[in-house]
Amino acid sequence: MPLSAGKPILQAALAKAFVDAMNEYKKFDQTGNSGVDSSVAATTAAGAVFGAVAAPAVDAFVKTGLVTTAVVTTGSAVAQAGTGSGAVT
């Protein structure tokens, strides 16, 4: 299957990862009322959430690809042309 066939699934998963990351980010006080700059901690936590959700989706997307090869040899009658295919692992 060409990778493009899995694109809508990947897009949905990345959108979910983004929303989950933003929800994590919003858990931190961003008003400045606490007197503590939480932007670094919030960004780090949101990035971790995004990575945890996005990485498996990207991995699954890449593995939907199919690698196809063609082999052509010359020489004796025993030498044959061949092809092969296999999943991306």
C-alpha atoms as a PDB file:
ATOM      1  CA  MET A   1       0.000   0.000   0.000  1.00  0.00           C
ATOM      2  CA  PRO A   2       1.431   3.409  -0.818  1.00  0.00           C
ATOM      3  CA  LEU A   3       2.085   5.627   2.151  1.00  0.00           C
ATOM      4  CA  SER A   4      -0.479   8.160   0.923  1.00  0.00           C
ATOM      5  CA  ALA A   5      -3.259   5.664   1.700  1.00  0.00           C
ATOM      6  CA  GLY A   6      -2.487   5.977   5.414  1.00  0.00           C
ATOM      7  CA  LYS A   7      -2.248   9.763   5.352  1.00  0.00           C
ATOM      8  CA  PRO A   8      -5.757  10.536   6.715  1.00  0.00           C
ATOM      9  CA  ILE A   9      -5.137   8.227   9.672  1.00  0.00           C
ATOM     10  CA  LEU A  10      -1.802   9.913  10.370  1.00  0.00           C
ATOM     11  CA  GLN A  11      -3.338  13.374  10.097  1.00  0.00           C
ATOM     12  CA  ALA A  12      -6.050  12.449  12.597  1.00  0.00           C
ATOM     13  CA  ALA A  13      -3.487  11.009  15.000  1.00  0.00           C
ATOM     14  CA  LEU A  14      -1.275  14.097  14.766  1.00  0.00           C
ATOM     15  CA  ALA A  15      -4.276  16.359  15.336  1.00  0.00           C
ATOM     16  CA  LYS A  16      -5.125  14.338  18.457  1.00  0.00           C
ATOM     17  CA  ALA A  17      -1.511  14.548  19.621  1.00  0.00           C
ATOM     18  CA  PHE A  18      -1.583  18.327  19.209  1.00  0.00           C
ATOM     19  CA  VAL A  19      -4.850  18.696  21.119  1.00  0.00           C
ATOM     20  CA  ASP A  20      -3.587  16.431  23.897  1.00  0.00           C
ATOM     21  CA  ALA A  21      -0.382  18.476  24.100  1.00  0.00           C
ATOM     22  CA  MET A  22      -2.282  21.757  24.268  1.00  0.00           C
ATOM     23  CA  ASN A  23      -4.522  20.365  27.005  1.00  0.00           C
ATOM     24  CA  GLU A  24      -1.392  19.433  28.958  1.00  0.00           C
ATOM     25  CA  TYR A  25       0.038  22.913  28.372  1.00  0.00           C
ATOM     26  CA  LYS A  26      -3.127  24.542  29.701  1.00  0.00           C
ATOM     27  CA  LYS A  27      -2.761  22.697  33.007  1.00  0.00           C
ATOM     28  CA  PHE A  28       0.057  25.088  33.888  1.00  0.00           C
ATOM     29  CA  ASP A  29      -0.624  28.588  35.211  1.00  0.00           C
ATOM     30  CA  GLN A  30       0.064  30.862  32.258  1.00  0.00           C
ATOM     31  CA  THR A  31      -1.443  33.998  33.799  1.00  0.00           C
ATOM     32  CA  GLY A  32       1.652  34.932  35.723  1.00  0.00           C
ATOM     33  CA  ASN A  33      -0.396  35.127  38.901  1.00  0.00           C
ATOM     34  CA  SER A  34       1.613  32.436  40.615  1.00  0.00           C
ATOM     35  CA  GLY A  35       4.841  34.430  40.391  1.00  0.00           C
ATOM     36  CA  VAL A  36       6.548  31.453  38.783  1.00  0.00           C
ATOM     37  CA  ASP A  37       7.447  31.244  35.120  1.00  0.00           C
ATOM     38  CA  SER A  38       5.967  27.904  34.114  1.00  0.00           C
ATOM     39  CA  SER A  39       6.374  28.269  30.347  1.00  0.00           C
ATOM     40  CA  VAL A  40       9.416  25.991  30.130  1.00  0.00           C
ATOM     41  CA  ALA A  41       7.819  23.296  32.272  1.00  0.00           C
ATOM     42  CA  ALA A  42       4.540  23.607  30.360  1.00  0.00           C
ATOM     43  CA  THR A  43       6.252  23.374  26.991  1.00  0.00           C
ATOM     44  CA  THR A  44       8.345  20.403  28.099  1.00  0.00           C
ATOM     45  CA  ALA A  45       5.304  18.547  29.436  1.00  0.00           C
ATOM     46  CA  ALA A  46       3.280  19.320  26.308  1.00  0.00           C
ATOM     47  CA  GLY A  47       6.133  18.128  24.109  1.00  0.00           C
ATOM     48  CA  ALA A  48       6.319  14.858  26.010  1.00  0.00           C
ATOM     49  CA  VAL A  49       2.585  14.296  25.571  1.00  0.00           C
ATOM     50  CA  PHE A  50       2.794  15.112  21.860  1.00  0.00           C
ATOM     51  CA  GLY A  51       5.699  12.720  21.385  1.00  0.00           C
ATOM     52  CA  ALA A  52       3.985   9.920  23.270  1.00  0.00           C
ATOM     53  CA  VAL A  53       0.884  10.181  21.070  1.00  0.00           C
ATOM     54  CA  ALA A  54       2.534  11.072  17.753  1.00  0.00           C
ATOM     55  CA  ALA A  55       5.436   8.612  17.710  1.00  0.00           C
ATOM     56  CA  PRO A  56       3.325   5.431  17.503  1.00  0.00           C
ATOM     57  CA  ALA A  57       1.183   7.038  14.792  1.00  0.00           C
ATOM     58  CA  VAL A  58       4.238   7.942  12.697  1.00  0.00           C
ATOM     59  CA  ASP A  59       5.664   4.453  13.226  1.00  0.00           C
ATOM     60  CA  ALA A  60       2.406   2.837  12.096  1.00  0.00           C
ATOM     61  CA  PHE A  61       2.220   5.172   9.083  1.00  0.00           C
ATOM     62  CA  VAL A  62       5.727   4.319   7.916  1.00  0.00           C
ATOM     63  CA  LYS A  63       5.033   0.615   8.304  1.00  0.00           C
ATOM     64  CA  THR A  64       2.065   0.875   5.917  1.00  0.00           C
ATOM     65  CA  GLY A  65       4.605   1.334   3.138  1.00  0.00           C
ATOM     66  CA  LEU A  66       5.725  -1.476   0.893  1.00  0.00           C
ATOM     67  CA  VAL A  67       9.238  -1.822  -0.417  1.00  0.00           C
ATOM     68  CA  THR A  68       9.441  -3.290  -3.903  1.00  0.00           C
ATOM     69  CA  THR A  69      12.633  -4.399  -5.572  1.00  0.00           C
ATOM     70  CA  ALA A  70      13.497  -5.710  -9.014  1.00  0.00           C
ATOM     71  CA  VAL A  71      16.489  -7.905  -9.701  1.00  0.00           C
ATOM     72  CA  VAL A  72      17.751  -8.602 -13.193  1.00  0.00           C
ATOM     73  CA  THR A  73      20.777 -10.768 -13.834  1.00  0.00           C
ATOM     74  CA  THR A  74      22.508 -11.732 -17.033  1.00  0.00           C
ATOM     75  CA  GLY A  75      24.378 -14.845 -17.939  1.00  0.00           C
ATOM     76  CA  SER A  76      23.366 -18.462 -18.066  1.00  0.00           C
ATOM     77  CA  ALA A  77      19.851 -19.801 -18.343  1.00  0.00           C
ATOM     78  CA  VAL A  78      19.939 -20.368 -14.613  1.00  0.00           C
ATOM     79  CA  ALA A  79      20.239 -16.627 -14.079  1.00  0.00           C
ATOM     80  CA  GLN A  80      16.692 -15.352 -13.728  1.00  0.00           C
ATOM     81  CA  ALA A  81      15.006 -12.007 -13.326  1.00  0.00           C
ATOM     82  CA  GLY A  82      13.203 -11.641 -10.057  1.00  0.00           C
ATOM     83  CA  THR A  83      11.214  -9.284  -7.948  1.00  0.00           C
ATOM     84  CA  GLY A  84      10.506  -8.969  -4.291  1.00  0.00           C
ATOM     85  CA  SER A  85       8.413  -6.995  -1.905  1.00  0.00           C
ATOM     86  CA  GLY A  86       8.155  -6.637   1.803  1.00  0.00           C
ATOM     87  CA  ALA A  87       6.813  -4.493   4.560  1.00  0.00           C
ATOM     88  CA  VAL A  88       8.799  -1.687   6.101  1.00  0.00           C
ATOM     89  CA  THR A  89       9.985  -2.795   9.538  1.00  0.00           C
END
